[in-house]
Amino acid sequence: MPDHRSMSDVLVSVGGCEQTSIDAGAITLDGLYQYGLSFHCEANGWSGKANGYCNSDGEGSIIDLDYREPQVVVAF
């Protein structure tokens, strides 16, 4: 049976603290422009799974990126 997965599946979500603040209505648009946001990201590819975070400034530019190398799982 052929494998129809893509070469990489990427999931990006707003960081946990930011999501809580957004849900509570505690983040304003001015606050976003001033402080930016933090995002959690995961990438599942043929070489394994990598995850980490990135921070953006108020203009949407990435100012910090950190991730863990993919961990390869081999099944026998």
PDB file of N, CA and C in Angstrom:
ATOM      1  N   MET A   1       0.847  -1.175   0.000  1.00  0.00           N
ATOM      2  CA  MET A   1       0.000   0.000   0.000  1.00  0.00           C
ATOM      3  C   MET A   1       0.893   1.240   0.000  1.00  0.00           C
ATOM      4  N   PRO A   2       0.686   2.191  -0.892  1.00  0.00           N
ATOM      5  CA  PRO A   2       1.530   3.380  -0.953  1.00  0.00           C
ATOM      6  C   PRO A   2       1.306   4.299   0.248  1.00  0.00           C
ATOM      7  N   ASP A   3       2.358   4.993   0.624  1.00  0.00           N
ATOM      8  CA  ASP A   3       2.298   5.936   1.725  1.00  0.00           C
ATOM      9  C   ASP A   3       2.009   7.323   1.156  1.00  0.00           C
ATOM     10  N   HIS A   4       0.906   7.941   1.532  1.00  0.00           N
ATOM     11  CA  HIS A   4       0.487   9.220   0.964  1.00  0.00           C
ATOM     12  C   HIS A   4       0.801  10.403   1.871  1.00  0.00           C
ATOM     13  N   ARG A   5       1.660  10.204   2.880  1.00  0.00           N
ATOM     14  CA  ARG A   5       2.036  11.329   3.730  1.00  0.00           C
ATOM     15  C   ARG A   5       2.874  12.311   2.937  1.00  0.00           C
ATOM     16  N   SER A   6       2.790  13.568   3.330  1.00  0.00           N
ATOM     17  CA  SER A   6       3.663  14.561   2.708  1.00  0.00           C
ATOM     18  C   SER A   6       5.047  14.432   3.325  1.00  0.00           C
ATOM     19  N   MET A   7       6.026  15.078   2.711  1.00  0.00           N
ATOM     20  CA  MET A   7       7.387  14.993   3.234  1.00  0.00           C
ATOM     21  C   MET A   7       7.518  15.709   4.566  1.00  0.00           C
ATOM     22  N   SER A   8       6.669  16.683   4.846  1.00  0.00           N
ATOM     23  CA  SER A   8       6.738  17.385   6.115  1.00  0.00           C
ATOM     24  C   SER A   8       5.367  17.907   6.492  1.00  0.00           C
ATOM     25  N   ASP A   9       4.958  17.624   7.695  1.00  0.00           N
ATOM     26  CA  ASP A   9       3.724  18.167   8.244  1.00  0.00           C
ATOM     27  C   ASP A   9       4.138  19.145   9.331  1.00  0.00           C
ATOM     28  N   VAL A  10       3.678  20.392   9.231  1.00  0.00           N
ATOM     29  CA  VAL A  10       4.084  21.427  10.175  1.00  0.00           C
ATOM     30  C   VAL A  10       2.869  21.927  10.940  1.00  0.00           C
ATOM     31  N   LEU A  11       3.028  22.069  12.243  1.00  0.00           N
ATOM     32  CA  LEU A  11       1.994  22.602  13.112  1.00  0.00           C
ATOM     33  C   LEU A  11       2.575  23.799  13.852  1.00  0.00           C
ATOM     34  N   VAL A  12       1.927  24.945  13.735  1.00  0.00           N
ATOM     35  CA  VAL A  12       2.349  26.151  14.441  1.00  0.00           C
ATOM     36  C   VAL A  12       1.162  26.645  15.247  1.00  0.00           C
ATOM     37  N   SER A  13       1.392  26.917  16.527  1.00  0.00           N
ATOM     38  CA  SER A  13       0.319  27.426  17.381  1.00  0.00           C
ATOM     39  C   SER A  13       0.859  28.545  18.265  1.00  0.00           C
ATOM     40  N   VAL A  14      -0.031  29.402  18.697  1.00  0.00           N
ATOM     41  CA  VAL A  14       0.355  30.484  19.596  1.00  0.00           C
ATOM     42  C   VAL A  14       0.812  29.864  20.908  1.00  0.00           C
ATOM     43  N   GLY A  15       1.856  30.440  21.510  1.00  0.00           N
ATOM     44  CA  GLY A  15       2.370  29.940  22.776  1.00  0.00           C
ATOM     45  C   GLY A  15       1.289  29.877  23.850  1.00  0.00           C
ATOM     46  N   GLY A  16       1.452  28.991  24.812  1.00  0.00           N
ATOM     47  CA  GLY A  16       0.439  28.747  25.830  1.00  0.00           C
ATOM     48  C   GLY A  16       0.035  29.971  26.634  1.00  0.00           C
ATOM     49  N   CYS A  17       1.007  30.745  27.102  1.00  0.00           N
ATOM     50  CA  CYS A  17       0.686  31.949  27.889  1.00  0.00           C
ATOM     51  C   CYS A  17      -0.061  32.967  27.040  1.00  0.00           C
ATOM     52  N   GLU A  18       0.379  33.136  25.792  1.00  0.00           N
ATOM     53  CA  GLU A  18      -0.294  34.084  24.915  1.00  0.00           C
ATOM     54  C   GLU A  18      -1.720  33.649  24.621  1.00  0.00           C
ATOM     55  N   GLN A  19      -1.923  32.344  24.389  1.00  0.00           N
ATOM     56  CA  GLN A  19      -3.268  31.850  24.089  1.00  0.00           C
ATOM     57  C   GLN A  19      -4.199  32.093  25.266  1.00  0.00           C
ATOM     58  N   THR A  20      -3.708  31.861  26.473  1.00  0.00           N
ATOM     59  CA  THR A  20      -4.515  32.107  27.668  1.00  0.00           C
ATOM     60  C   THR A  20      -4.893  33.583  27.770  1.00  0.00           C
ATOM     61  N   SER A  21      -3.921  34.464  27.511  1.00  0.00           N
ATOM     62  CA  SER A  21      -4.180  35.907  27.570  1.00  0.00           C
ATOM     63  C   SER A  21      -5.145  36.357  26.481  1.00  0.00           C
ATOM     64  N   ILE A  22      -5.014  35.783  25.286  1.00  0.00           N
ATOM     65  CA  ILE A  22      -5.930  36.114  24.189  1.00  0.00           C
ATOM     66  C   ILE A  22      -7.348  35.680  24.553  1.00  0.00           C
ATOM     67  N   ASP A  23      -7.483  34.453  25.057  1.00  0.00           N
ATOM     68  CA  ASP A  23      -8.799  33.932  25.433  1.00  0.00           C
ATOM     69  C   ASP A  23      -9.442  34.776  26.528  1.00  0.00           C
ATOM     70  N   ALA A  24      -8.621  35.309  27.441  1.00  0.00           N
ATOM     71  CA  ALA A  24      -9.134  36.118  28.546  1.00  0.00           C
ATOM     72  C   ALA A  24      -9.359  37.572  28.142  1.00  0.00           C
ATOM     73  N   GLY A  25      -8.948  37.940  26.929  1.00  0.00           N
ATOM     74  CA  GLY A  25      -9.085  39.317  26.475  1.00  0.00           C
ATOM     75  C   GLY A  25      -8.065  40.257  27.091  1.00  0.00           C
ATOM     76  N   ALA A  26      -6.959  39.693  27.594  1.00  0.00           N
ATOM     77  CA  ALA A  26      -5.950  40.495  28.283  1.00  0.00           C
ATOM     78  C   ALA A  26      -4.888  41.070  27.348  1.00  0.00           C
ATOM     79  N   ILE A  27      -4.852  40.625  26.101  1.00  0.00           N
ATOM     80  CA  ILE A  27      -3.880  41.149  25.134  1.00  0.00           C
ATOM     81  C   ILE A  27      -4.599  42.137  24.220  1.00  0.00           C
ATOM     82  N   THR A  28      -4.033  43.310  24.086  1.00  0.00           N
ATOM     83  CA  THR A  28      -4.593  44.313  23.182  1.00  0.00           C
ATOM     84  C   THR A  28      -3.784  44.338  21.894  1.00  0.00           C
ATOM     85  N   LEU A  29      -4.344  44.936  20.883  1.00  0.00           N
ATOM     86  CA  LEU A  29      -3.632  45.079  19.621  1.00  0.00           C
ATOM     87  C   LEU A  29      -2.371  45.922  19.819  1.00  0.00           C
ATOM     88  N   ASP A  30      -2.461  46.950  20.648  1.00  0.00           N
ATOM     89  CA  ASP A  30      -1.279  47.760  20.964  1.00  0.00           C
ATOM     90  C   ASP A  30      -0.198  46.910  21.626  1.00  0.00           C
ATOM     91  N   GLY A  31      -0.620  45.995  22.497  1.00  0.00           N
ATOM     92  CA  GLY A  31       0.321  45.096  23.158  1.00  0.00           C
ATOM     93  C   GLY A  31       1.020  44.174  22.168  1.00  0.00           C
ATOM     94  N   LEU A  32       0.264  43.686  21.180  1.00  0.00           N
ATOM     95  CA  LEU A  32       0.863  42.834  20.148  1.00  0.00           C
ATOM     96  C   LEU A  32       1.909  43.599  19.348  1.00  0.00           C
ATOM     97  N   TYR A  33       1.581  44.837  18.994  1.00  0.00           N
ATOM     98  CA  TYR A  33       2.540  45.648  18.237  1.00  0.00           C
ATOM     99  C   TYR A  33       3.774  45.970  19.071  1.00  0.00           C
ATOM    100  N   GLN A  34       3.598  46.111  20.371  1.00  0.00           N
ATOM    101  CA  GLN A  34       4.721  46.471  21.225  1.00  0.00           C
ATOM    102  C   GLN A  34       5.593  45.258  21.577  1.00  0.00           C
ATOM    103  N   TYR A  35       4.968  44.120  21.902  1.00  0.00           N
ATOM    104  CA  TYR A  35       5.720  42.975  22.423  1.00  0.00           C
ATOM    105  C   TYR A  35       5.832  41.793  21.467  1.00  0.00           C
ATOM    106  N   GLY A  36       4.987  41.703  20.452  1.00  0.00           N
ATOM    107  CA  GLY A  36       5.009  40.548  19.554  1.00  0.00           C
ATOM    108  C   GLY A  36       4.352  39.336  20.190  1.00  0.00           C
ATOM    109  N   LEU A  37       4.597  38.168  19.619  1.00  0.00           N
ATOM    110  CA  LEU A  37       4.026  36.911  20.113  1.00  0.00           C
ATOM    111  C   LEU A  37       5.065  35.805  20.096  1.00  0.00           C
ATOM    112  N   SER A  38       4.782  34.753  20.839  1.00  0.00           N
ATOM    113  CA  SER A  38       5.602  33.551  20.842  1.00  0.00           C
ATOM    114  C   SER A  38       4.764  32.406  20.276  1.00  0.00           C
ATOM    115  N   PHE A  39       5.388  31.570  19.464  1.00  0.00           N
ATOM    116  CA  PHE A  39       4.697  30.451  18.828  1.00  0.00           C
ATOM    117  C   PHE A  39       5.416  29.144  19.123  1.00  0.00           C
ATOM    118  N   HIS A  40       4.646  28.078  19.264  1.00  0.00           N
ATOM    119  CA  HIS A  40       5.179  26.720  19.382  1.00  0.00           C
ATOM    120  C   HIS A  40       5.094  26.094  17.994  1.00  0.00           C
ATOM    121  N   CYS A  41       6.125  25.369  17.592  1.00  0.00           N
ATOM    122  CA  CYS A  41       6.088  24.739  16.269  1.00  0.00           C
ATOM    123  C   CYS A  41       6.576  23.302  16.343  1.00  0.00           C
ATOM    124  N   GLU A  42       5.969  22.464  15.525  1.00  0.00           N
ATOM    125  CA  GLU A  42       6.360  21.060  15.374  1.00  0.00           C
ATOM    126  C   GLU A  42       6.414  20.728  13.901  1.00  0.00           C
ATOM    127  N   ALA A  43       7.412  19.965  13.518  1.00  0.00           N
ATOM    128  CA  ALA A  43       7.518  19.506  12.135  1.00  0.00           C
ATOM    129  C   ALA A  43       7.761  18.005  12.150  1.00  0.00           C
ATOM    130  N   ASN A  44       6.886  17.283  11.479  1.00  0.00           N
ATOM    131  CA  ASN A  44       7.028  15.834  11.342  1.00  0.00           C
ATOM    132  C   ASN A  44       7.432  15.541   9.909  1.00  0.00           C
ATOM    133  N   GLY A  45       8.589  14.970   9.739  1.00  0.00           N
ATOM    134  CA  GLY A  45       9.068  14.666   8.400  1.00  0.00           C
ATOM    135  C   GLY A  45       9.641  13.270   8.341  1.00  0.00           C
ATOM    136  N   TRP A  46      10.228  12.953   7.216  1.00  0.00           N
ATOM    137  CA  TRP A  46      10.794  11.613   7.023  1.00  0.00           C
ATOM    138  C   TRP A  46      11.945  11.348   7.978  1.00  0.00           C
ATOM    139  N   SER A  47      12.654  12.391   8.419  1.00  0.00           N
ATOM    140  CA  SER A  47      13.808  12.182   9.295  1.00  0.00           C
ATOM    141  C   SER A  47      13.434  12.228  10.770  1.00  0.00           C
ATOM    142  N   GLY A  48      12.176  12.381  11.098  1.00  0.00           N
ATOM    143  CA  GLY A  48      11.759  12.382  12.494  1.00  0.00           C
ATOM    144  C   GLY A  48      10.929  13.608  12.833  1.00  0.00           C
ATOM    145  N   LYS A  49      10.882  13.921  14.122  1.00  0.00           N
ATOM    146  CA  LYS A  49      10.043  15.006  14.607  1.00  0.00           C
ATOM    147  C   LYS A  49      10.912  16.064  15.272  1.00  0.00           C
ATOM    148  N   ALA A  50      10.760  17.310  14.858  1.00  0.00           N
ATOM    149  CA  ALA A  50      11.458  18.425  15.485  1.00  0.00           C
ATOM    150  C   ALA A  50      10.414  19.340  16.105  1.00  0.00           C
ATOM    151  N   ASN A  51      10.754  19.950  17.230  1.00  0.00           N
ATOM    152  CA  ASN A  51       9.831  20.906  17.821  1.00  0.00           C
ATOM    153  C   ASN A  51      10.606  22.015  18.503  1.00  0.00           C
ATOM    154  N   GLY A  52       9.946  23.127  18.741  1.00  0.00           N
ATOM    155  CA  GLY A  52      10.584  24.256  19.380  1.00  0.00           C
ATOM    156  C   GLY A  52       9.653  25.444  19.415  1.00  0.00           C
ATOM    157  N   TYR A  53      10.252  26.634  19.417  1.00  0.00           N
ATOM    158  CA  TYR A  53       9.448  27.842  19.472  1.00  0.00           C
ATOM    159  C   TYR A  53      10.091  28.940  18.642  1.00  0.00           C
ATOM    160  N   CYS A  54       9.320  29.947  18.318  1.00  0.00           N
ATOM    161  CA  CYS A  54       9.858  31.150  17.710  1.00  0.00           C
ATOM    162  C   CYS A  54       9.128  32.349  18.296  1.00  0.00           C
ATOM    163  N   ASN A  55       9.868  33.426  18.457  1.00  0.00           N
ATOM    164  CA  ASN A  55       9.305  34.676  18.952  1.00  0.00           C
ATOM    165  C   ASN A  55       9.309  35.676  17.818  1.00  0.00           C
ATOM    166  N   SER A  56       8.253  36.465  17.746  1.00  0.00           N
ATOM    167  CA  SER A  56       8.171  37.482  16.707  1.00  0.00           C
ATOM    168  C   SER A  56       8.031  38.856  17.358  1.00  0.00           C
ATOM    169  N   ASP A  57       8.486  39.867  16.633  1.00  0.00           N
ATOM    170  CA  ASP A  57       8.311  41.223  17.132  1.00  0.00           C
ATOM    171  C   ASP A  57       6.938  41.736  16.716  1.00  0.00           C
ATOM    172  N   GLY A  58       6.623  42.970  17.031  1.00  0.00           N
ATOM    173  CA  GLY A  58       5.319  43.539  16.741  1.00  0.00           C
ATOM    174  C   GLY A  58       5.018  43.703  15.264  1.00  0.00           C
ATOM    175  N   GLU A  59       6.050  43.558  14.411  1.00  0.00           N
ATOM    176  CA  GLU A  59       5.844  43.670  12.962  1.00  0.00           C
ATOM    177  C   GLU A  59       5.753  42.312  12.286  1.00  0.00           C
ATOM    178  N   GLY A  60       5.855  41.234  13.069  1.00  0.00           N
ATOM    179  CA  GLY A  60       5.734  39.890  12.524  1.00  0.00           C
ATOM    180  C   GLY A  60       7.033  39.247  12.097  1.00  0.00           C
ATOM    181  N   SER A  61       8.161  39.931  12.317  1.00  0.00           N
ATOM    182  CA  SER A  61       9.463  39.350  11.971  1.00  0.00           C
ATOM    183  C   SER A  61       9.915  38.407  13.080  1.00  0.00           C
ATOM    184  N   ILE A  62      10.508  37.287  12.694  1.00  0.00           N
ATOM    185  CA  ILE A  62      11.024  36.336  13.680  1.00  0.00           C
ATOM    186  C   ILE A  62      12.289  36.917  14.287  1.00  0.00           C
ATOM    187  N   ILE A  63      12.318  36.998  15.621  1.00  0.00           N
ATOM    188  CA  ILE A  63      13.486  37.548  16.305  1.00  0.00           C
ATOM    189  C   ILE A  63      14.237  36.489  17.088  1.00  0.00           C
ATOM    190  N   ASP A  64      13.637  35.325  17.294  1.00  0.00           N
ATOM    191  CA  ASP A  64      14.280  34.246  18.043  1.00  0.00           C
ATOM    192  C   ASP A  64      13.672  32.933  17.568  1.00  0.00           C
ATOM    193  N   LEU A  65      14.520  31.949  17.319  1.00  0.00           N
ATOM    194  CA  LEU A  65      14.061  30.640  16.858  1.00  0.00           C
ATOM    195  C   LEU A  65      14.895  29.583  17.549  1.00  0.00           C
ATOM    196  N   ASP A  66      14.241  28.632  18.181  1.00  0.00           N
ATOM    197  CA  ASP A  66      14.934  27.550  18.872  1.00  0.00           C
ATOM    198  C   ASP A  66      14.170  26.260  18.606  1.00  0.00           C
ATOM    199  N   TYR A  67      14.869  25.209  18.255  1.00  0.00           N
ATOM    200  CA  TYR A  67      14.210  23.937  18.006  1.00  0.00           C
ATOM    201  C   TYR A  67      15.135  22.796  18.381  1.00  0.00           C
ATOM    202  N   ARG A  68      14.533  21.635  18.589  1.00  0.00           N
ATOM    203  CA  ARG A  68      15.278  20.417  18.891  1.00  0.00           C
ATOM    204  C   ARG A  68      15.374  19.602  17.613  1.00  0.00           C
ATOM    205  N   GLU A  69      16.524  18.997  17.425  1.00  0.00           N
ATOM    206  CA  GLU A  69      16.745  18.176  16.235  1.00  0.00           C
ATOM    207  C   GLU A  69      15.738  17.030  16.181  1.00  0.00           C
ATOM    208  N   PRO A  70      15.386  16.585  14.990  1.00  0.00           N
ATOM    209  CA  PRO A  70      14.459  15.458  14.867  1.00  0.00           C
ATOM    210  C   PRO A  70      14.990  14.220  15.564  1.00  0.00           C
ATOM    211  N   GLN A  71      14.081  13.498  16.170  1.00  0.00           N
ATOM    212  CA  GLN A  71      14.431  12.232  16.787  1.00  0.00           C
ATOM    213  C   GLN A  71      13.909  11.123  15.887  1.00  0.00           C
ATOM    214  N   VAL A  72      14.816  10.354  15.370  1.00  0.00           N
ATOM    215  CA  VAL A  72      14.452   9.298  14.430  1.00  0.00           C
ATOM    216  C   VAL A  72      14.008   8.065  15.190  1.00  0.00           C
ATOM    217  N   VAL A  73      12.840   7.546  14.798  1.00  0.00           N
ATOM    218  CA  VAL A  73      12.324   6.332  15.399  1.00  0.00           C
ATOM    219  C   VAL A  73      12.409   5.233  14.359  1.00  0.00           C
ATOM    220  N   VAL A  74      13.089   4.177  14.705  1.00  0.00           N
ATOM    221  CA  VAL A  74      13.264   3.057  13.774  1.00  0.00           C
ATOM    222  C   VAL A  74      12.519   1.855  14.334  1.00  0.00           C
ATOM    223  N   ALA A  75      11.619   1.286  13.549  1.00  0.00           N
ATOM    224  CA  ALA A  75      10.858   0.107  13.975  1.00  0.00           C
ATOM    225  C   ALA A  75      11.388  -1.108  13.212  1.00  0.00           C
ATOM    226  N   PHE A  76      11.531  -2.196  13.926  1.00  0.00           N
ATOM    227  CA  PHE A  76      11.990  -3.448  13.308  1.00  0.00           C
ATOM    228  C   PHE A  76      10.884  -4.466  13.325  1.00  0.00           C
TER     229      PHE A  76
END
